[in-house]
């Protein structure tokens, strides 16, 4: 039986492992360049990438407050930003 995160209406997993963070949530250089074109300021660029990667994984947008802290921290670290979920 598929897990809740694998259904028609996917959700974030409760435990996200390092491999999935690296494979699914690490932004590519193209995504980083794209964020620089569409968003101004490091905070907005970081938020844009977090929302983009979440949408790519789930197929729909979620409120930033509902994105797990581990994903926010991973993306922030990957793009050398110091943003946290409190800042989103």
PDB file of N, CA and C in Angstrom:
ATOM      1  N   UNK A   1       0.850  -1.178   0.000  1.00  0.00           N
ATOM      2  CA  UNK A   1       0.000   0.000   0.000  1.00  0.00           C
ATOM      3  C   UNK A   1       0.899   1.245   0.000  1.00  0.00           C
ATOM      4  N   UNK A   2       0.616   2.186  -0.899  1.00  0.00           N
ATOM      5  CA  UNK A   2       1.461   3.384  -0.953  1.00  0.00           C
ATOM      6  C   UNK A   2       1.303   4.241   0.298  1.00  0.00           C
ATOM      7  N   UNK A   3       2.369   4.936   0.632  1.00  0.00           N
ATOM      8  CA  UNK A   3       2.334   5.853   1.763  1.00  0.00           C
ATOM      9  C   UNK A   3       1.514   7.086   1.417  1.00  0.00           C
ATOM     10  N   UNK A   4       1.157   7.851   2.419  1.00  0.00           N
ATOM     11  CA  UNK A   4       0.348   9.056   2.216  1.00  0.00           C
ATOM     12  C   UNK A   4       1.038  10.039   1.275  1.00  0.00           C
ATOM     13  N   UNK A   5       2.373  10.104   1.322  1.00  0.00           N
ATOM     14  CA  UNK A   5       3.113  11.035   0.477  1.00  0.00           C
ATOM     15  C   UNK A   5       3.159  10.583  -0.982  1.00  0.00           C
ATOM     16  N   UNK A   6       2.698   9.361  -1.290  1.00  0.00           N
ATOM     17  CA  UNK A   6       2.723   8.835  -2.646  1.00  0.00           C
ATOM     18  C   UNK A   6       1.344   8.786  -3.296  1.00  0.00           C
ATOM     19  N   UNK A   7       0.359   9.377  -2.689  1.00  0.00           N
ATOM     20  CA  UNK A   7      -0.999   9.330  -3.209  1.00  0.00           C
ATOM     21  C   UNK A   7      -1.213  10.391  -4.277  1.00  0.00           C
ATOM     22  N   UNK A   8      -2.450  10.494  -4.757  1.00  0.00           N
ATOM     23  CA  UNK A   8      -2.793  11.478  -5.779  1.00  0.00           C
ATOM     24  C   UNK A   8      -2.520  12.888  -5.277  1.00  0.00           C
ATOM     25  N   UNK A   9      -2.679  13.113  -4.009  1.00  0.00           N
ATOM     26  CA  UNK A   9      -2.444  14.415  -3.405  1.00  0.00           C
ATOM     27  C   UNK A   9      -1.221  14.293  -2.498  1.00  0.00           C
ATOM     28  N   UNK A  10      -0.012  14.332  -3.080  1.00  0.00           N
ATOM     29  CA  UNK A  10       1.189  14.068  -2.287  1.00  0.00           C
ATOM     30  C   UNK A  10       1.427  15.090  -1.190  1.00  0.00           C
ATOM     31  N   UNK A  11       2.157  14.663  -0.195  1.00  0.00           N
ATOM     32  CA  UNK A  11       2.526  15.513   0.937  1.00  0.00           C
ATOM     33  C   UNK A  11       3.998  15.321   1.222  1.00  0.00           C
ATOM     34  N   UNK A  12       4.544  16.183   2.044  1.00  0.00           N
ATOM     35  CA  UNK A  12       5.919  16.014   2.472  1.00  0.00           C
ATOM     36  C   UNK A  12       6.009  14.811   3.390  1.00  0.00           C
ATOM     37  N   UNK A  13       7.105  14.093   3.295  1.00  0.00           N
ATOM     38  CA  UNK A  13       7.346  12.969   4.204  1.00  0.00           C
ATOM     39  C   UNK A  13       7.647  13.509   5.594  1.00  0.00           C
ATOM     40  N   UNK A  14       7.333  12.730   6.602  1.00  0.00           N
ATOM     41  CA  UNK A  14       7.624  13.169   7.968  1.00  0.00           C
ATOM     42  C   UNK A  14       9.115  13.051   8.277  1.00  0.00           C
ATOM     43  N   UNK A  15       9.793  12.079   7.672  1.00  0.00           N
ATOM     44  CA  UNK A  15      11.243  11.920   7.829  1.00  0.00           C
ATOM     45  C   UNK A  15      11.881  12.042   6.452  1.00  0.00           C
ATOM     46  N   UNK A  16      12.654  13.088   6.265  1.00  0.00           N
ATOM     47  CA  UNK A  16      13.319  13.299   4.987  1.00  0.00           C
ATOM     48  C   UNK A  16      14.799  13.026   5.199  1.00  0.00           C
ATOM     49  N   UNK A  17      15.307  12.057   4.465  1.00  0.00           N
ATOM     50  CA  UNK A  17      16.697  11.650   4.624  1.00  0.00           C
ATOM     51  C   UNK A  17      17.615  12.464   3.720  1.00  0.00           C
ATOM     52  N   UNK A  18      18.894  12.460   4.058  1.00  0.00           N
ATOM     53  CA  UNK A  18      19.902  13.243   3.351  1.00  0.00           C
ATOM     54  C   UNK A  18      19.923  12.946   1.856  1.00  0.00           C
ATOM     55  N   UNK A  19      19.774  11.694   1.469  1.00  0.00           N
ATOM     56  CA  UNK A  19      19.795  11.325   0.051  1.00  0.00           C
ATOM     57  C   UNK A  19      18.648  11.992  -0.687  1.00  0.00           C
ATOM     58  N   UNK A  20      17.461  11.978  -0.115  1.00  0.00           N
ATOM     59  CA  UNK A  20      16.314  12.627  -0.762  1.00  0.00           C
ATOM     60  C   UNK A  20      16.503  14.141  -0.810  1.00  0.00           C
ATOM     61  N   UNK A  21      17.034  14.711   0.243  1.00  0.00           N
ATOM     62  CA  UNK A  21      17.308  16.149   0.226  1.00  0.00           C
ATOM     63  C   UNK A  21      18.242  16.493  -0.928  1.00  0.00           C
ATOM     64  N   UNK A  22      19.305  15.711  -1.076  1.00  0.00           N
ATOM     65  CA  UNK A  22      20.267  15.981  -2.140  1.00  0.00           C
ATOM     66  C   UNK A  22      19.676  15.728  -3.522  1.00  0.00           C
ATOM     67  N   UNK A  23      18.933  14.643  -3.678  1.00  0.00           N
ATOM     68  CA  UNK A  23      18.387  14.277  -4.988  1.00  0.00           C
ATOM     69  C   UNK A  23      17.212  15.152  -5.417  1.00  0.00           C
ATOM     70  N   UNK A  24      16.363  15.531  -4.478  1.00  0.00           N
ATOM     71  CA  UNK A  24      15.112  16.204  -4.806  1.00  0.00           C
ATOM     72  C   UNK A  24      15.134  17.704  -4.558  1.00  0.00           C
ATOM     73  N   UNK A  25      15.775  18.143  -3.510  1.00  0.00           N
ATOM     74  CA  UNK A  25      15.646  19.536  -3.079  1.00  0.00           C
ATOM     75  C   UNK A  25      16.883  20.407  -3.317  1.00  0.00           C
ATOM     76  N   UNK A  26      17.952  19.854  -3.853  1.00  0.00           N
ATOM     77  CA  UNK A  26      19.121  20.673  -4.153  1.00  0.00           C
ATOM     78  C   UNK A  26      18.884  21.401  -5.471  1.00  0.00           C
ATOM     79  N   UNK A  27      18.917  22.737  -5.457  1.00  0.00           N
ATOM     80  CA  UNK A  27      18.674  23.484  -6.693  1.00  0.00           C
ATOM     81  C   UNK A  27      19.830  23.350  -7.683  1.00  0.00           C
ATOM     82  N   UNK A  28      19.478  23.320  -8.960  1.00  0.00           N
ATOM     83  CA  UNK A  28      20.485  23.263 -10.012  1.00  0.00           C
ATOM     84  C   UNK A  28      21.003  24.675 -10.283  1.00  0.00           C
ATOM     85  N   UNK A  29      22.081  24.764 -11.015  1.00  0.00           N
ATOM     86  CA  UNK A  29      22.617  26.074 -11.387  1.00  0.00           C
ATOM     87  C   UNK A  29      21.618  26.846 -12.247  1.00  0.00           C
ATOM     88  N   UNK A  30      20.881  26.152 -13.105  1.00  0.00           N
ATOM     89  CA  UNK A  30      19.869  26.807 -13.932  1.00  0.00           C
ATOM     90  C   UNK A  30      18.752  27.408 -13.082  1.00  0.00           C
ATOM     91  N   UNK A  31      18.337  26.681 -12.042  1.00  0.00           N
ATOM     92  CA  UNK A  31      17.290  27.188 -11.152  1.00  0.00           C
ATOM     93  C   UNK A  31      17.782  28.398 -10.366  1.00  0.00           C
ATOM     94  N   UNK A  32      19.029  28.370  -9.962  1.00  0.00           N
ATOM     95  CA  UNK A  32      19.596  29.508  -9.232  1.00  0.00           C
ATOM     96  C   UNK A  32      19.681  30.726 -10.150  1.00  0.00           C
ATOM     97  N   UNK A  33      20.129  30.529 -11.376  1.00  0.00           N
ATOM     98  CA  UNK A  33      20.190  31.634 -12.343  1.00  0.00           C
ATOM     99  C   UNK A  33      18.797  32.178 -12.634  1.00  0.00           C
ATOM    100  N   UNK A  34      17.824  31.273 -12.766  1.00  0.00           N
ATOM    101  CA  UNK A  34      16.448  31.698 -13.012  1.00  0.00           C
ATOM    102  C   UNK A  34      15.924  32.537 -11.854  1.00  0.00           C
ATOM    103  N   UNK A  35      16.226  32.132 -10.622  1.00  0.00           N
ATOM    104  CA  UNK A  35      15.755  32.885  -9.451  1.00  0.00           C
ATOM    105  C   UNK A  35      16.352  34.280  -9.432  1.00  0.00           C
ATOM    106  N   UNK A  36      17.573  34.417  -9.924  1.00  0.00           N
ATOM    107  CA  UNK A  36      18.219  35.727  -9.963  1.00  0.00           C
ATOM    108  C   UNK A  36      17.552  36.647 -10.984  1.00  0.00           C
ATOM    109  N   UNK A  37      16.918  36.057 -11.990  1.00  0.00           N
ATOM    110  CA  UNK A  37      16.219  36.850 -13.008  1.00  0.00           C
ATOM    111  C   UNK A  37      14.836  37.303 -12.544  1.00  0.00           C
ATOM    112  N   UNK A  38      14.178  36.487 -11.727  1.00  0.00           N
ATOM    113  CA  UNK A  38      12.786  36.777 -11.385  1.00  0.00           C
ATOM    114  C   UNK A  38      12.568  37.341  -9.986  1.00  0.00           C
ATOM    115  N   UNK A  39      13.577  37.275  -9.134  1.00  0.00           N
ATOM    116  CA  UNK A  39      13.413  37.760  -7.759  1.00  0.00           C
ATOM    117  C   UNK A  39      14.562  38.698  -7.408  1.00  0.00           C
ATOM    118  N   UNK A  40      14.252  39.666  -6.576  1.00  0.00           N
ATOM    119  CA  UNK A  40      15.268  40.621  -6.126  1.00  0.00           C
ATOM    120  C   UNK A  40      15.552  40.418  -4.656  1.00  0.00           C
ATOM    121  N   UNK A  41      16.804  40.504  -4.300  1.00  0.00           N
ATOM    122  CA  UNK A  41      17.197  40.340  -2.899  1.00  0.00           C
ATOM    123  C   UNK A  41      17.382  38.878  -2.545  1.00  0.00           C
ATOM    124  N   UNK A  42      18.316  38.608  -1.648  1.00  0.00           N
ATOM    125  CA  UNK A  42      18.623  37.218  -1.312  1.00  0.00           C
ATOM    126  C   UNK A  42      17.443  36.505  -0.657  1.00  0.00           C
ATOM    127  N   UNK A  43      16.658  37.227   0.150  1.00  0.00           N
ATOM    128  CA  UNK A  43      15.532  36.593   0.834  1.00  0.00           C
ATOM    129  C   UNK A  43      14.478  36.131  -0.166  1.00  0.00           C
ATOM    130  N   UNK A  44      14.136  36.976  -1.118  1.00  0.00           N
ATOM    131  CA  UNK A  44      13.137  36.600  -2.119  1.00  0.00           C
ATOM    132  C   UNK A  44      13.651  35.510  -3.046  1.00  0.00           C
ATOM    133  N   UNK A  45      14.927  35.544  -3.391  1.00  0.00           N
ATOM    134  CA  UNK A  45      15.502  34.494  -4.233  1.00  0.00           C
ATOM    135  C   UNK A  45      15.448  33.148  -3.510  1.00  0.00           C
ATOM    136  N   UNK A  46      15.780  33.167  -2.229  1.00  0.00           N
ATOM    137  CA  UNK A  46      15.741  31.935  -1.442  1.00  0.00           C
ATOM    138  C   UNK A  46      14.313  31.418  -1.333  1.00  0.00           C
ATOM    139  N   UNK A  47      13.375  32.282  -1.043  1.00  0.00           N
ATOM    140  CA  UNK A  47      11.961  31.877  -0.954  1.00  0.00           C
ATOM    141  C   UNK A  47      11.468  31.330  -2.283  1.00  0.00           C
ATOM    142  N   UNK A  48      11.870  31.975  -3.372  1.00  0.00           N
ATOM    143  CA  UNK A  48      11.465  31.520  -4.700  1.00  0.00           C
ATOM    144  C   UNK A  48      11.953  30.093  -4.948  1.00  0.00           C
ATOM    145  N   UNK A  49      13.216  29.829  -4.640  1.00  0.00           N
ATOM    146  CA  UNK A  49      13.767  28.489  -4.864  1.00  0.00           C
ATOM    147  C   UNK A  49      13.097  27.463  -3.956  1.00  0.00           C
ATOM    148  N   UNK A  50      12.825  27.824  -2.721  1.00  0.00           N
ATOM    149  CA  UNK A  50      12.138  26.905  -1.805  1.00  0.00           C
ATOM    150  C   UNK A  50      10.750  26.564  -2.334  1.00  0.00           C
ATOM    151  N   UNK A  51      10.032  27.558  -2.802  1.00  0.00           N
ATOM    152  CA  UNK A  51       8.697  27.304  -3.357  1.00  0.00           C
ATOM    153  C   UNK A  51       8.783  26.487  -4.648  1.00  0.00           C
ATOM    154  N   UNK A  52       9.777  26.788  -5.486  1.00  0.00           N
ATOM    155  CA  UNK A  52       9.965  26.056  -6.737  1.00  0.00           C
ATOM    156  C   UNK A  52      10.240  24.583  -6.476  1.00  0.00           C
ATOM    157  N   UNK A  53      11.182  24.291  -5.592  1.00  0.00           N
ATOM    158  CA  UNK A  53      11.534  22.901  -5.310  1.00  0.00           C
ATOM    159  C   UNK A  53      10.372  22.163  -4.641  1.00  0.00           C
ATOM    160  N   UNK A  54       9.623  22.845  -3.805  1.00  0.00           N
ATOM    161  CA  UNK A  54       8.450  22.215  -3.174  1.00  0.00           C
ATOM    162  C   UNK A  54       7.393  21.902  -4.227  1.00  0.00           C
ATOM    163  N   UNK A  55       7.161  22.847  -5.142  1.00  0.00           N
ATOM    164  CA  UNK A  55       6.187  22.619  -6.207  1.00  0.00           C
ATOM    165  C   UNK A  55       6.625  21.454  -7.101  1.00  0.00           C
ATOM    166  N   UNK A  56       7.902  21.396  -7.426  1.00  0.00           N
ATOM    167  CA  UNK A  56       8.402  20.306  -8.264  1.00  0.00           C
ATOM    168  C   UNK A  56       8.162  18.956  -7.602  1.00  0.00           C
ATOM    169  N   UNK A  57       8.288  18.896  -6.310  1.00  0.00           N
ATOM    170  CA  UNK A  57       8.119  17.633  -5.586  1.00  0.00           C
ATOM    171  C   UNK A  57       6.648  17.251  -5.427  1.00  0.00           C
ATOM    172  N   UNK A  58       5.807  18.238  -5.084  1.00  0.00           N
ATOM    173  CA  UNK A  58       4.417  17.945  -4.764  1.00  0.00           C
ATOM    174  C   UNK A  58       3.461  18.113  -5.940  1.00  0.00           C
ATOM    175  N   UNK A  59       3.766  19.051  -6.844  1.00  0.00           N
ATOM    176  CA  UNK A  59       2.865  19.320  -7.960  1.00  0.00           C
ATOM    177  C   UNK A  59       1.829  20.381  -7.645  1.00  0.00           C
ATOM    178  N   UNK A  60       1.943  21.015  -6.501  1.00  0.00           N
ATOM    179  CA  UNK A  60       1.057  22.108  -6.111  1.00  0.00           C
ATOM    180  C   UNK A  60       1.800  22.981  -5.104  1.00  0.00           C
ATOM    181  N   UNK A  61       1.345  24.213  -4.966  1.00  0.00           N
ATOM    182  CA  UNK A  61       1.989  25.129  -4.018  1.00  0.00           C
ATOM    183  C   UNK A  61       1.425  24.933  -2.620  1.00  0.00           C
ATOM    184  N   UNK A  62       2.290  25.073  -1.636  1.00  0.00           N
ATOM    185  CA  UNK A  62       1.890  25.025  -0.230  1.00  0.00           C
ATOM    186  C   UNK A  62       2.310  26.327   0.431  1.00  0.00           C
ATOM    187  N   UNK A  63       1.678  26.634   1.519  1.00  0.00           N
ATOM    188  CA  UNK A  63       2.068  27.817   2.287  1.00  0.00           C
ATOM    189  C   UNK A  63       3.489  27.608   2.795  1.00  0.00           C
ATOM    190  N   UNK A  64       4.312  28.634   2.704  1.00  0.00           N
ATOM    191  CA  UNK A  64       5.704  28.477   3.156  1.00  0.00           C
ATOM    192  C   UNK A  64       5.838  27.967   4.587  1.00  0.00           C
ATOM    193  N   UNK A  65       4.921  28.302   5.431  1.00  0.00           N
ATOM    194  CA  UNK A  65       4.971  27.856   6.823  1.00  0.00           C
ATOM    195  C   UNK A  65       4.829  26.327   6.929  1.00  0.00           C
ATOM    196  N   UNK A  66       4.247  25.696   5.898  1.00  0.00           N
ATOM    197  CA  UNK A  66       4.032  24.251   5.912  1.00  0.00           C
ATOM    198  C   UNK A  66       5.187  23.453   5.305  1.00  0.00           C
ATOM    199  N   UNK A  67       6.217  24.138   4.849  1.00  0.00           N
ATOM    200  CA  UNK A  67       7.382  23.450   4.295  1.00  0.00           C
ATOM    201  C   UNK A  67       8.278  23.052   5.463  1.00  0.00           C
ATOM    202  N   UNK A  68       8.648  21.782   5.535  1.00  0.00           N
ATOM    203  CA  UNK A  68       9.468  21.329   6.667  1.00  0.00           C
ATOM    204  C   UNK A  68      10.785  22.098   6.799  1.00  0.00           C
ATOM    205  N   UNK A  69      11.167  22.348   8.019  1.00  0.00           N
ATOM    206  CA  UNK A  69      12.377  23.099   8.329  1.00  0.00           C
ATOM    207  C   UNK A  69      13.617  22.448   7.711  1.00  0.00           C
ATOM    208  N   UNK A  70      13.645  21.124   7.638  1.00  0.00           N
ATOM    209  CA  UNK A  70      14.816  20.451   7.067  1.00  0.00           C
ATOM    210  C   UNK A  70      14.997  20.820   5.595  1.00  0.00           C
ATOM    211  N   UNK A  71      13.912  20.984   4.868  1.00  0.00           N
ATOM    212  CA  UNK A  71      13.986  21.375   3.458  1.00  0.00           C
ATOM    213  C   UNK A  71      14.455  22.815   3.343  1.00  0.00           C
ATOM    214  N   UNK A  72      13.901  23.698   4.159  1.00  0.00           N
ATOM    215  CA  UNK A  72      14.292  25.108   4.147  1.00  0.00           C
ATOM    216  C   UNK A  72      15.782  25.236   4.456  1.00  0.00           C
ATOM    217  N   UNK A  73      16.245  24.530   5.469  1.00  0.00           N
ATOM    218  CA  UNK A  73      17.651  24.602   5.851  1.00  0.00           C
ATOM    219  C   UNK A  73      18.555  24.047   4.759  1.00  0.00           C
ATOM    220  N   UNK A  74      18.133  22.948   4.141  1.00  0.00           N
ATOM    221  CA  UNK A  74      18.951  22.337   3.088  1.00  0.00           C
ATOM    222  C   UNK A  74      19.098  23.280   1.894  1.00  0.00           C
ATOM    223  N   UNK A  75      18.001  23.851   1.439  1.00  0.00           N
ATOM    224  CA  UNK A  75      18.050  24.753   0.289  1.00  0.00           C
ATOM    225  C   UNK A  75      18.842  26.009   0.633  1.00  0.00           C
ATOM    226  N   UNK A  76      18.622  26.552   1.812  1.00  0.00           N
ATOM    227  CA  UNK A  76      19.365  27.741   2.244  1.00  0.00           C
ATOM    228  C   UNK A  76      20.861  27.474   2.252  1.00  0.00           C
ATOM    229  N   UNK A  77      21.248  26.334   2.766  1.00  0.00           N
ATOM    230  CA  UNK A  77      22.663  25.970   2.805  1.00  0.00           C
ATOM    231  C   UNK A  77      23.203  25.769   1.391  1.00  0.00           C
ATOM    232  N   UNK A  78      22.411  25.155   0.515  1.00  0.00           N
ATOM    233  CA  UNK A  78      22.861  24.867  -0.850  1.00  0.00           C
ATOM    234  C   UNK A  78      23.130  26.138  -1.651  1.00  0.00           C
ATOM    235  N   UNK A  79      22.423  27.220  -1.322  1.00  0.00           N
ATOM    236  CA  UNK A  79      22.620  28.478  -2.072  1.00  0.00           C
ATOM    237  C   UNK A  79      23.306  29.533  -1.210  1.00  0.00           C
ATOM    238  N   UNK A  80      23.895  29.116  -0.116  1.00  0.00           N
ATOM    239  CA  UNK A  80      24.644  30.015   0.777  1.00  0.00           C
ATOM    240  C   UNK A  80      23.803  31.172   1.297  1.00  0.00           C
ATOM    241  N   UNK A  81      22.623  30.848   1.770  1.00  0.00           N
ATOM    242  CA  UNK A  81      21.722  31.833   2.359  1.00  0.00           C
ATOM    243  C   UNK A  81      21.532  31.487   3.829  1.00  0.00           C
ATOM    244  N   UNK A  82      21.173  32.466   4.614  1.00  0.00           N
ATOM    245  CA  UNK A  82      20.966  32.210   6.047  1.00  0.00           C
ATOM    246  C   UNK A  82      19.499  32.334   6.442  1.00  0.00           C
ATOM    247  N   UNK A  83      18.611  32.097   5.498  1.00  0.00           N
ATOM    248  CA  UNK A  83      17.183  32.239   5.772  1.00  0.00           C
ATOM    249  C   UNK A  83      16.677  31.027   6.547  1.00  0.00           C
ATOM    250  N   UNK A  84      15.675  31.223   7.376  1.00  0.00           N
ATOM    251  CA  UNK A  84      15.032  30.140   8.093  1.00  0.00           C
ATOM    252  C   UNK A  84      13.529  30.218   7.836  1.00  0.00           C
ATOM    253  N   UNK A  85      12.800  29.203   8.267  1.00  0.00           N
ATOM    254  CA  UNK A  85      11.361  29.197   8.020  1.00  0.00           C
ATOM    255  C   UNK A  85      10.665  30.360   8.705  1.00  0.00           C
ATOM    256  N   UNK A  86      11.259  30.904   9.754  1.00  0.00           N
ATOM    257  CA  UNK A  86      10.685  32.063  10.438  1.00  0.00           C
ATOM    258  C   UNK A  86      10.708  33.268   9.512  1.00  0.00           C
ATOM    259  N   UNK A  87      11.743  33.340   8.670  1.00  0.00           N
ATOM    260  CA  UNK A  87      11.892  34.461   7.757  1.00  0.00           C
ATOM    261  C   UNK A  87      10.971  34.402   6.547  1.00  0.00           C
ATOM    262  N   UNK A  88      10.484  33.209   6.219  1.00  0.00           N
ATOM    263  CA  UNK A  88       9.690  33.049   4.993  1.00  0.00           C
ATOM    264  C   UNK A  88       8.340  33.713   5.126  1.00  0.00           C
TER     265      UNK A  88
END
